[in-house]
C-alpha cells in the first residue's frame, strides 16, 4: 500500500532531516558546543555556529537569545525552517542584527521516480580514507569557490566529517564522483527515517555540464532506494535548484538562511 504525502509533510521532513544532519555534528569528539532541547537546537564547534530550530511562543525569548548570541562574539548563522517558532521569526531576526544571506529551496524526490542518467567513464566512490578526504575537500572548495578567508571553517568541517565517517552505524556518508580517473564531483548524505538528505553537492568548474553530478546522485540514491529509503530531500541554492529540478525533485518551500550582521559585542 502506498501512502500519499502532501507538500507540507515533505517540507517538514526536509526540515527535520536538516536539523538532524547539523545536530549530528554533536557526536564529534572535539568541542562539546551544542544545545539540544525541545525549545532550542544549535551547534557551536570551533568556528561553526548555527541555530537550526527554535520553539518559542514569546518574541521576547528570541530577542533574549539573540542578545546572548551577540555577547558570545561568534559569527552565528540561523536557518529558519517550517518547524521553528514563533511564526514571525524571520521578521524578528531582521529587526535584531541578523541579515538574510540566502533563501534555500526545500525539495524532494520520490525514489520510485528515480532517473537513470549515467555518464560514461564515471564511477562513484564512498569516502573512507584520508586521501579520499583530501580529494573531497579539494572539490568542495573549488566547486563552491571558497576563498582563503573561510579556511578555518573548512578545517572545522574536515575535523568533524573525518570523525563522523568513522562512526559505527553511520547515518552520514561522503562520496566522490570520479570521471576519467579524476575526482570531479563530491557530495554527502544523511539518511534517517526513510529520507536521504543530499548535502555539499559540488563539481569542479572545468568538469561541469558533463552530467557528472546527476550521474552521481542517481547512483547513490539507487543504493539508498534498495536499502528501503523512500524519499530524497535537499535544501538547494538557486544553481542547485536547477540541477535537482532536472533530476525530478519537487520544490515545496523556502528556508531562509540568516547571519549575524552587526553589533558583535566585544
C-alpha atoms as a PDB file:
ATOM      1  CA  UNK A   1       0.000   0.000   0.000  1.00  0.00           C
ATOM      2  CA  UNK A   2       1.375   3.410  -0.999  1.00  0.00           C
ATOM      3  CA  UNK A   3       0.773   6.221   1.467  1.00  0.00           C
ATOM      4  CA  UNK A   4       0.214   9.668  -0.014  1.00  0.00           C
ATOM      5  CA  UNK A   5       2.165  12.644   1.272  1.00  0.00           C
ATOM      6  CA  UNK A   6       1.486  16.348   0.999  1.00  0.00           C
ATOM      7  CA  UNK A   7       3.912  19.149   0.230  1.00  0.00           C
ATOM      8  CA  UNK A   8       3.547  20.245   3.854  1.00  0.00           C
ATOM      9  CA  UNK A   9       4.536  16.746   5.008  1.00  0.00           C
ATOM     10  CA  UNK A  10       7.638  16.857   2.836  1.00  0.00           C
ATOM     11  CA  UNK A  11       8.546  20.394   3.875  1.00  0.00           C
ATOM     12  CA  UNK A  12       8.614  19.260   7.488  1.00  0.00           C
ATOM     13  CA  UNK A  13      10.541  16.105   6.547  1.00  0.00           C
ATOM     14  CA  UNK A  14      13.171  18.257   4.815  1.00  0.00           C
ATOM     15  CA  UNK A  15      13.422  20.459   7.895  1.00  0.00           C
ATOM     16  CA  UNK A  16      13.820  17.517  10.265  1.00  0.00           C
ATOM     17  CA  UNK A  17      16.494  15.932   8.069  1.00  0.00           C
ATOM     18  CA  UNK A  18      18.425  19.201   8.003  1.00  0.00           C
ATOM     19  CA  UNK A  19      18.088  19.592  11.786  1.00  0.00           C
ATOM     20  CA  UNK A  20      19.216  16.017  12.421  1.00  0.00           C
ATOM     21  CA  UNK A  21      22.109  16.401   9.964  1.00  0.00           C
ATOM     22  CA  UNK A  22      23.529  19.510  11.627  1.00  0.00           C
ATOM     23  CA  UNK A  23      22.873  18.256  15.153  1.00  0.00           C
ATOM     24  CA  UNK A  24      24.645  15.011  14.261  1.00  0.00           C
ATOM     25  CA  UNK A  25      27.832  17.092  14.470  1.00  0.00           C
ATOM     26  CA  UNK A  26      27.469  16.887  18.247  1.00  0.00           C
ATOM     27  CA  UNK A  27      28.891  13.362  18.027  1.00  0.00           C
ATOM     28  CA  UNK A  28      32.211  14.916  17.057  1.00  0.00           C
ATOM     29  CA  UNK A  29      34.561  14.315  19.975  1.00  0.00           C
ATOM     30  CA  UNK A  30      36.202  17.718  19.946  1.00  0.00           C
ATOM     31  CA  UNK A  31      34.495  20.784  21.402  1.00  0.00           C
ATOM     32  CA  UNK A  32      31.227  19.968  23.191  1.00  0.00           C
ATOM     33  CA  UNK A  33      29.470  23.022  21.821  1.00  0.00           C
ATOM     34  CA  UNK A  34      25.844  22.164  21.237  1.00  0.00           C
ATOM     35  CA  UNK A  35      22.422  22.550  22.754  1.00  0.00           C
ATOM     36  CA  UNK A  36      19.621  20.088  22.071  1.00  0.00           C
ATOM     37  CA  UNK A  37      16.257  20.627  23.710  1.00  0.00           C
ATOM     38  CA  UNK A  38      12.596  20.915  22.801  1.00  0.00           C
ATOM     39  CA  UNK A  39      12.872  24.694  22.536  1.00  0.00           C
ATOM     40  CA  UNK A  40      16.321  25.205  21.036  1.00  0.00           C
ATOM     41  CA  UNK A  41      18.802  23.309  18.884  1.00  0.00           C
ATOM     42  CA  UNK A  42      22.187  24.638  17.839  1.00  0.00           C
ATOM     43  CA  UNK A  43      25.771  23.640  17.124  1.00  0.00           C
ATOM     44  CA  UNK A  44      28.818  25.695  18.110  1.00  0.00           C
ATOM     45  CA  UNK A  45      32.065  23.889  17.278  1.00  0.00           C
ATOM     46  CA  UNK A  46      35.295  25.799  16.663  1.00  0.00           C
ATOM     47  CA  UNK A  47      34.119  28.444  14.189  1.00  0.00           C
ATOM     48  CA  UNK A  48      30.930  26.676  13.047  1.00  0.00           C
ATOM     49  CA  UNK A  49      27.955  28.251  14.839  1.00  0.00           C
ATOM     50  CA  UNK A  50      24.437  27.530  13.597  1.00  0.00           C
ATOM     51  CA  UNK A  51      20.943  27.558  15.050  1.00  0.00           C
ATOM     52  CA  UNK A  52      18.657  25.067  13.326  1.00  0.00           C
ATOM     53  CA  UNK A  53      15.440  25.180  15.344  1.00  0.00           C
ATOM     54  CA  UNK A  54      13.653  27.288  17.944  1.00  0.00           C
ATOM     55  CA  UNK A  55      10.311  26.571  19.550  1.00  0.00           C
ATOM     56  CA  UNK A  56       9.434  29.720  21.475  1.00  0.00           C
ATOM     57  CA  UNK A  57       5.972  31.265  21.620  1.00  0.00           C
ATOM     58  CA  UNK A  58       7.177  34.550  23.079  1.00  0.00           C
ATOM     59  CA  UNK A  59       9.026  37.051  20.884  1.00  0.00           C
ATOM     60  CA  UNK A  60      10.975  38.268  23.914  1.00  0.00           C
ATOM     61  CA  UNK A  61      12.553  34.827  24.291  1.00  0.00           C
ATOM     62  CA  UNK A  62      14.003  35.139  20.779  1.00  0.00           C
ATOM     63  CA  UNK A  63      15.284  38.649  21.447  1.00  0.00           C
ATOM     64  CA  UNK A  64      16.928  37.450  24.672  1.00  0.00           C
ATOM     65  CA  UNK A  65      18.554  34.599  22.749  1.00  0.00           C
ATOM     66  CA  UNK A  66      19.855  36.989  20.088  1.00  0.00           C
ATOM     67  CA  UNK A  67      21.384  39.192  22.777  1.00  0.00           C
ATOM     68  CA  UNK A  68      23.158  36.155  24.221  1.00  0.00           C
ATOM     69  CA  UNK A  69      24.483  35.276  20.768  1.00  0.00           C
ATOM     70  CA  UNK A  70      25.827  38.792  20.319  1.00  0.00           C
ATOM     71  CA  UNK A  71      27.605  38.558  23.655  1.00  0.00           C
ATOM     72  CA  UNK A  72      29.304  35.323  22.576  1.00  0.00           C
ATOM     73  CA  UNK A  73      31.459  37.154  19.980  1.00  0.00           C
ATOM     74  CA  UNK A  74      30.757  34.394  17.458  1.00  0.00           C
ATOM     75  CA  UNK A  75      29.544  34.722  13.875  1.00  0.00           C
ATOM     76  CA  UNK A  76      26.256  32.860  14.122  1.00  0.00           C
ATOM     77  CA  UNK A  77      24.109  31.641  11.254  1.00  0.00           C
ATOM     78  CA  UNK A  78      20.445  30.733  11.632  1.00  0.00           C
ATOM     79  CA  UNK A  79      18.363  28.652   9.233  1.00  0.00           C
ATOM     80  CA  UNK A  80      14.611  29.081   9.547  1.00  0.00           C
ATOM     81  CA  UNK A  81      12.505  26.050   8.693  1.00  0.00           C
ATOM     82  CA  UNK A  82       8.758  25.417   8.991  1.00  0.00           C
ATOM     83  CA  UNK A  83       9.066  23.711  12.388  1.00  0.00           C
ATOM     84  CA  UNK A  84      10.663  26.770  14.015  1.00  0.00           C
ATOM     85  CA  UNK A  85       8.619  29.179  16.117  1.00  0.00           C
ATOM     86  CA  UNK A  86       7.495  31.879  16.583  1.00  0.00           C
ATOM     87  CA  UNK A  87       5.959  32.149  13.136  1.00  0.00           C
ATOM     88  CA  UNK A  88       7.293  35.687  12.647  1.00  0.00           C
ATOM     89  CA  UNK A  89      10.851  34.544  13.395  1.00  0.00           C
ATOM     90  CA  UNK A  90      12.286  35.958  10.154  1.00  0.00           C
ATOM     91  CA  UNK A  91      10.893  39.384  10.941  1.00  0.00           C
ATOM     92  CA  UNK A  92      12.344  39.275  14.454  1.00  0.00           C
ATOM     93  CA  UNK A  93      15.777  38.293  13.148  1.00  0.00           C
ATOM     94  CA  UNK A  94      15.810  41.077  10.565  1.00  0.00           C
ATOM     95  CA  UNK A  95      14.931  43.596  13.262  1.00  0.00           C
ATOM     96  CA  UNK A  96      17.654  42.341  15.596  1.00  0.00           C
ATOM     97  CA  UNK A  97      21.077  42.259  13.947  1.00  0.00           C
ATOM     98  CA  UNK A  98      20.577  39.340  11.549  1.00  0.00           C
ATOM     99  CA  UNK A  99      20.750  39.711   7.769  1.00  0.00           C
ATOM    100  CA  UNK A 100      19.376  37.262   5.228  1.00  0.00           C
ATOM    101  CA  UNK A 101      22.292  35.634   3.418  1.00  0.00           C
ATOM    102  CA  UNK A 102      20.376  33.236   1.185  1.00  0.00           C
ATOM    103  CA  UNK A 103      16.994  31.668   0.632  1.00  0.00           C
ATOM    104  CA  UNK A 104      17.344  27.953   0.091  1.00  0.00           C
ATOM    105  CA  UNK A 105      14.656  25.889  -1.613  1.00  0.00           C
ATOM    106  CA  UNK A 106      13.375  22.750   0.068  1.00  0.00           C
ATOM    107  CA  UNK A 107      12.985  19.948  -2.495  1.00  0.00           C
ATOM    108  CA  UNK A 108      12.171  16.251  -2.515  1.00  0.00           C
ATOM    109  CA  UNK A 109      12.124  13.248  -4.833  1.00  0.00           C
ATOM    110  CA  UNK A 110      10.107  10.059  -4.503  1.00  0.00           C
ATOM    111  CA  UNK A 111      12.773   7.394  -5.036  1.00  0.00           C
ATOM    112  CA  UNK A 112      10.279   5.330  -7.013  1.00  0.00           C
ATOM    113  CA  UNK A 113      10.672   8.022  -9.683  1.00  0.00           C
ATOM    114  CA  UNK A 114      14.462   7.962  -9.711  1.00  0.00           C
ATOM    115  CA  UNK A 115      16.117   8.631 -13.068  1.00  0.00           C
ATOM    116  CA  UNK A 116      18.727   6.555 -14.865  1.00  0.00           C
ATOM    117  CA  UNK A 117      21.157   9.213 -16.107  1.00  0.00           C
ATOM    118  CA  UNK A 118      24.703   7.841 -16.192  1.00  0.00           C
ATOM    119  CA  UNK A 119      27.833   9.398 -17.674  1.00  0.00           C
ATOM    120  CA  UNK A 120      30.435   7.200 -19.368  1.00  0.00           C
ATOM    121  CA  UNK A 121      33.904   6.711 -17.847  1.00  0.00           C
ATOM    122  CA  UNK A 122      32.420   7.670 -14.478  1.00  0.00           C
ATOM    123  CA  UNK A 123      32.337   5.919 -11.118  1.00  0.00           C
ATOM    124  CA  UNK A 124      31.152   6.774  -7.616  1.00  0.00           C
ATOM    125  CA  UNK A 125      33.314   6.050  -4.596  1.00  0.00           C
ATOM    126  CA  UNK A 126      32.426   6.236  -0.908  1.00  0.00           C
ATOM    127  CA  UNK A 127      34.987   8.236   1.067  1.00  0.00           C
ATOM    128  CA  UNK A 128      36.758   6.046   3.614  1.00  0.00           C
ATOM    129  CA  UNK A 129      40.419   7.102   3.875  1.00  0.00           C
ATOM    130  CA  UNK A 130      42.381  10.329   4.264  1.00  0.00           C
ATOM    131  CA  UNK A 131      43.457  10.520   0.616  1.00  0.00           C
ATOM    132  CA  UNK A 132      39.797  10.432  -0.401  1.00  0.00           C
ATOM    133  CA  UNK A 133      39.002  13.157   2.137  1.00  0.00           C
ATOM    134  CA  UNK A 134      41.729  15.351   0.623  1.00  0.00           C
ATOM    135  CA  UNK A 135      40.175  14.911  -2.826  1.00  0.00           C
ATOM    136  CA  UNK A 136      36.673  15.527  -1.465  1.00  0.00           C
ATOM    137  CA  UNK A 137      37.583  18.845   0.135  1.00  0.00           C
ATOM    138  CA  UNK A 138      39.571  19.958  -2.918  1.00  0.00           C
ATOM    139  CA  UNK A 139      36.405  19.548  -4.993  1.00  0.00           C
ATOM    140  CA  UNK A 140      34.246  21.150  -2.306  1.00  0.00           C
ATOM    141  CA  UNK A 141      36.492  24.235  -2.175  1.00  0.00           C
ATOM    142  CA  UNK A 142      36.731  24.597  -5.952  1.00  0.00           C
ATOM    143  CA  UNK A 143      33.079  23.830  -6.593  1.00  0.00           C
ATOM    144  CA  UNK A 144      31.767  26.401  -4.136  1.00  0.00           C
ATOM    145  CA  UNK A 145      34.504  28.943  -4.879  1.00  0.00           C
ATOM    146  CA  UNK A 146      35.556  29.066  -1.236  1.00  0.00           C
ATOM    147  CA  UNK A 147      38.253  31.647  -0.553  1.00  0.00           C
ATOM    148  CA  UNK A 148      41.119  31.715   1.929  1.00  0.00           C
ATOM    149  CA  UNK A 149      39.137  33.795   4.437  1.00  0.00           C
ATOM    150  CA  UNK A 150      36.985  30.713   5.092  1.00  0.00           C
ATOM    151  CA  UNK A 151      39.941  28.385   5.659  1.00  0.00           C
ATOM    152  CA  UNK A 152      39.154  27.919   9.352  1.00  0.00           C
ATOM    153  CA  UNK A 153      35.599  26.846   8.524  1.00  0.00           C
ATOM    154  CA  UNK A 154      36.968  24.248   6.101  1.00  0.00           C
ATOM    155  CA  UNK A 155      39.345  22.946   8.781  1.00  0.00           C
ATOM    156  CA  UNK A 156      36.424  22.623  11.176  1.00  0.00           C
ATOM    157  CA  UNK A 157      34.284  20.707   8.689  1.00  0.00           C
ATOM    158  CA  UNK A 158      37.202  18.453   7.850  1.00  0.00           C
ATOM    159  CA  UNK A 159      37.767  17.570  11.518  1.00  0.00           C
ATOM    160  CA  UNK A 160      34.078  16.846  12.027  1.00  0.00           C
ATOM    161  CA  UNK A 161      33.492  14.935   8.792  1.00  0.00           C
ATOM    162  CA  UNK A 162      36.611  12.797   9.222  1.00  0.00           C
ATOM    163  CA  UNK A 163      35.406  11.645  12.601  1.00  0.00           C
ATOM    164  CA  UNK A 164      31.818  11.077  11.535  1.00  0.00           C
ATOM    165  CA  UNK A 165      32.654   8.770   8.620  1.00  0.00           C
ATOM    166  CA  UNK A 166      34.498   6.507  11.047  1.00  0.00           C
ATOM    167  CA  UNK A 167      31.452   6.038  13.285  1.00  0.00           C
ATOM    168  CA  UNK A 168      29.733   2.715  13.634  1.00  0.00           C
ATOM    169  CA  UNK A 169      26.123   2.566  12.406  1.00  0.00           C
ATOM    170  CA  UNK A 170      26.749   5.505  10.126  1.00  0.00           C
ATOM    171  CA  UNK A 171      23.988   7.878   9.149  1.00  0.00           C
ATOM    172  CA  UNK A 172      26.432  10.220   7.414  1.00  0.00           C
ATOM    173  CA  UNK A 173      28.426   9.389   4.270  1.00  0.00           C
ATOM    174  CA  UNK A 174      30.700  11.255   1.861  1.00  0.00           C
ATOM    175  CA  UNK A 175      31.053  10.426  -1.839  1.00  0.00           C
ATOM    176  CA  UNK A 176      33.414  11.192  -4.699  1.00  0.00           C
ATOM    177  CA  UNK A 177      32.493  11.120  -8.369  1.00  0.00           C
ATOM    178  CA  UNK A 178      35.493  10.150 -10.496  1.00  0.00           C
ATOM    179  CA  UNK A 179      35.494  10.980 -14.204  1.00  0.00           C
ATOM    180  CA  UNK A 180      38.239   9.533 -16.405  1.00  0.00           C
ATOM    181  CA  UNK A 181      40.278   8.782 -13.271  1.00  0.00           C
ATOM    182  CA  UNK A 182      39.963  12.359 -11.985  1.00  0.00           C
ATOM    183  CA  UNK A 183      37.962  13.185  -8.813  1.00  0.00           C
ATOM    184  CA  UNK A 184      35.444  15.717 -10.122  1.00  0.00           C
ATOM    185  CA  UNK A 185      32.259  15.743  -8.020  1.00  0.00           C
ATOM    186  CA  UNK A 186      31.518  15.465  -4.307  1.00  0.00           C
ATOM    187  CA  UNK A 187      28.516  15.258  -2.023  1.00  0.00           C
ATOM    188  CA  UNK A 188      27.486  13.970   1.387  1.00  0.00           C
ATOM    189  CA  UNK A 189      24.329  12.240   2.571  1.00  0.00           C
ATOM    190  CA  UNK A 190      22.427  11.891   5.816  1.00  0.00           C
ATOM    191  CA  UNK A 191      19.790   9.156   5.885  1.00  0.00           C
ATOM    192  CA  UNK A 192      17.210   8.858   8.646  1.00  0.00           C
ATOM    193  CA  UNK A 193      13.550   7.857   8.929  1.00  0.00           C
ATOM    194  CA  UNK A 194      13.380   6.779   5.291  1.00  0.00           C
ATOM    195  CA  UNK A 195      14.605  10.141   3.978  1.00  0.00           C
ATOM    196  CA  UNK A 196      18.020  10.661   2.387  1.00  0.00           C
ATOM    197  CA  UNK A 197      19.335  14.214   2.673  1.00  0.00           C
ATOM    198  CA  UNK A 198      21.708  15.362  -0.084  1.00  0.00           C
ATOM    199  CA  UNK A 199      24.305  17.887   1.100  1.00  0.00           C
ATOM    200  CA  UNK A 200      27.529  19.552  -0.103  1.00  0.00           C
ATOM    201  CA  UNK A 201      26.956  18.758  -3.794  1.00  0.00           C
ATOM    202  CA  UNK A 202      29.729  20.393  -5.835  1.00  0.00           C
ATOM    203  CA  UNK A 203      31.507  19.933  -9.168  1.00  0.00           C
ATOM    204  CA  UNK A 204      34.878  21.423 -10.064  1.00  0.00           C
ATOM    205  CA  UNK A 205      34.367  24.185 -12.658  1.00  0.00           C
ATOM    206  CA  UNK A 206      36.108  22.532 -15.622  1.00  0.00           C
ATOM    207  CA  UNK A 207      34.030  19.363 -15.196  1.00  0.00           C
ATOM    208  CA  UNK A 208      30.591  20.948 -15.288  1.00  0.00           C
ATOM    209  CA  UNK A 209      27.975  20.275 -17.989  1.00  0.00           C
ATOM    210  CA  UNK A 210      29.052  16.650 -18.326  1.00  0.00           C
ATOM    211  CA  UNK A 211      26.116  15.148 -16.347  1.00  0.00           C
ATOM    212  CA  UNK A 212      28.516  14.092 -13.598  1.00  0.00           C
ATOM    213  CA  UNK A 213      26.548  15.443 -10.626  1.00  0.00           C
ATOM    214  CA  UNK A 214      23.280  13.937 -11.848  1.00  0.00           C
ATOM    215  CA  UNK A 215      25.006  10.618 -12.563  1.00  0.00           C
ATOM    216  CA  UNK A 216      26.446  10.526  -9.057  1.00  0.00           C
ATOM    217  CA  UNK A 217      23.148  11.411  -7.369  1.00  0.00           C
ATOM    218  CA  UNK A 218      21.271   8.754  -9.350  1.00  0.00           C
ATOM    219  CA  UNK A 219      23.871   6.121  -8.478  1.00  0.00           C
ATOM    220  CA  UNK A 220      23.850   6.959  -4.767  1.00  0.00           C
ATOM    221  CA  UNK A 221      20.072   7.197  -4.478  1.00  0.00           C
ATOM    222  CA  UNK A 222      19.587   3.920  -6.304  1.00  0.00           C
ATOM    223  CA  UNK A 223      21.504   2.218  -3.490  1.00  0.00           C
ATOM    224  CA  UNK A 224      19.535   4.050  -0.805  1.00  0.00           C
ATOM    225  CA  UNK A 225      16.297   3.009  -2.501  1.00  0.00           C
ATOM    226  CA  UNK A 226      17.476  -0.604  -2.433  1.00  0.00           C
ATOM    227  CA  UNK A 227      18.091  -0.177   1.303  1.00  0.00           C
ATOM    228  CA  UNK A 228      14.442   0.758   1.838  1.00  0.00           C
ATOM    229  CA  UNK A 229      14.502   4.557   1.837  1.00  0.00           C
ATOM    230  CA  UNK A 230      11.568   6.289   0.168  1.00  0.00           C
ATOM    231  CA  UNK A 231      12.482   9.942  -0.403  1.00  0.00           C
ATOM    232  CA  UNK A 232      15.498  12.085  -1.176  1.00  0.00           C
ATOM    233  CA  UNK A 233      15.440  15.606   0.264  1.00  0.00           C
ATOM    234  CA  UNK A 234      17.587  18.699  -0.188  1.00  0.00           C
ATOM    235  CA  UNK A 235      17.817  22.402   0.600  1.00  0.00           C
ATOM    236  CA  UNK A 236      19.175  23.900  -2.594  1.00  0.00           C
ATOM    237  CA  UNK A 237      20.774  27.156  -3.670  1.00  0.00           C
ATOM    238  CA  UNK A 238      19.493  28.790  -6.868  1.00  0.00           C
ATOM    239  CA  UNK A 239      22.014  26.902  -9.016  1.00  0.00           C
ATOM    240  CA  UNK A 240      21.415  23.681  -7.107  1.00  0.00           C
ATOM    241  CA  UNK A 241      17.671  24.029  -7.597  1.00  0.00           C
ATOM    242  CA  UNK A 242      18.143  23.867 -11.370  1.00  0.00           C
ATOM    243  CA  UNK A 243      20.071  20.609 -11.089  1.00  0.00           C
ATOM    244  CA  UNK A 244      17.678  18.999  -8.625  1.00  0.00           C
ATOM    245  CA  UNK A 245      14.721  20.013 -10.799  1.00  0.00           C
ATOM    246  CA  UNK A 246      16.315  18.221 -13.756  1.00  0.00           C
ATOM    247  CA  UNK A 247      16.663  15.159 -11.531  1.00  0.00           C
ATOM    248  CA  UNK A 248      12.922  15.223 -10.842  1.00  0.00           C
ATOM    249  CA  UNK A 249      12.915  16.898  -7.421  1.00  0.00           C
ATOM    250  CA  UNK A 250       9.840  18.944  -6.495  1.00  0.00           C
ATOM    251  CA  UNK A 251      10.248  22.328  -4.741  1.00  0.00           C
ATOM    252  CA  UNK A 252       7.951  22.712  -1.734  1.00  0.00           C
ATOM    253  CA  UNK A 253       9.091  25.780   0.205  1.00  0.00           C
ATOM    254  CA  UNK A 254      11.819  28.163   1.295  1.00  0.00           C
ATOM    255  CA  UNK A 255      14.413  28.000   4.056  1.00  0.00           C
ATOM    256  CA  UNK A 256      15.827  31.481   4.749  1.00  0.00           C
ATOM    257  CA  UNK A 257      19.420  31.481   5.989  1.00  0.00           C
ATOM    258  CA  UNK A 258      20.499  34.395   8.184  1.00  0.00           C
ATOM    259  CA  UNK A 259      23.843  35.550   9.519  1.00  0.00           C
ATOM    260  CA  UNK A 260      24.517  37.924  12.350  1.00  0.00           C
ATOM    261  CA  UNK A 261      25.292  41.205  10.642  1.00  0.00           C
ATOM    262  CA  UNK A 262      26.389  43.735  13.204  1.00  0.00           C
ATOM    263  CA  UNK A 263      26.815  44.622  16.811  1.00  0.00           C
ATOM    264  CA  UNK A 264      29.047  41.757  17.904  1.00  0.00           C
ATOM    265  CA  UNK A 265      29.828  42.781  21.460  1.00  0.00           C
ATOM    266  CA  UNK A 266      33.475  42.745  22.469  1.00  0.00           C
END
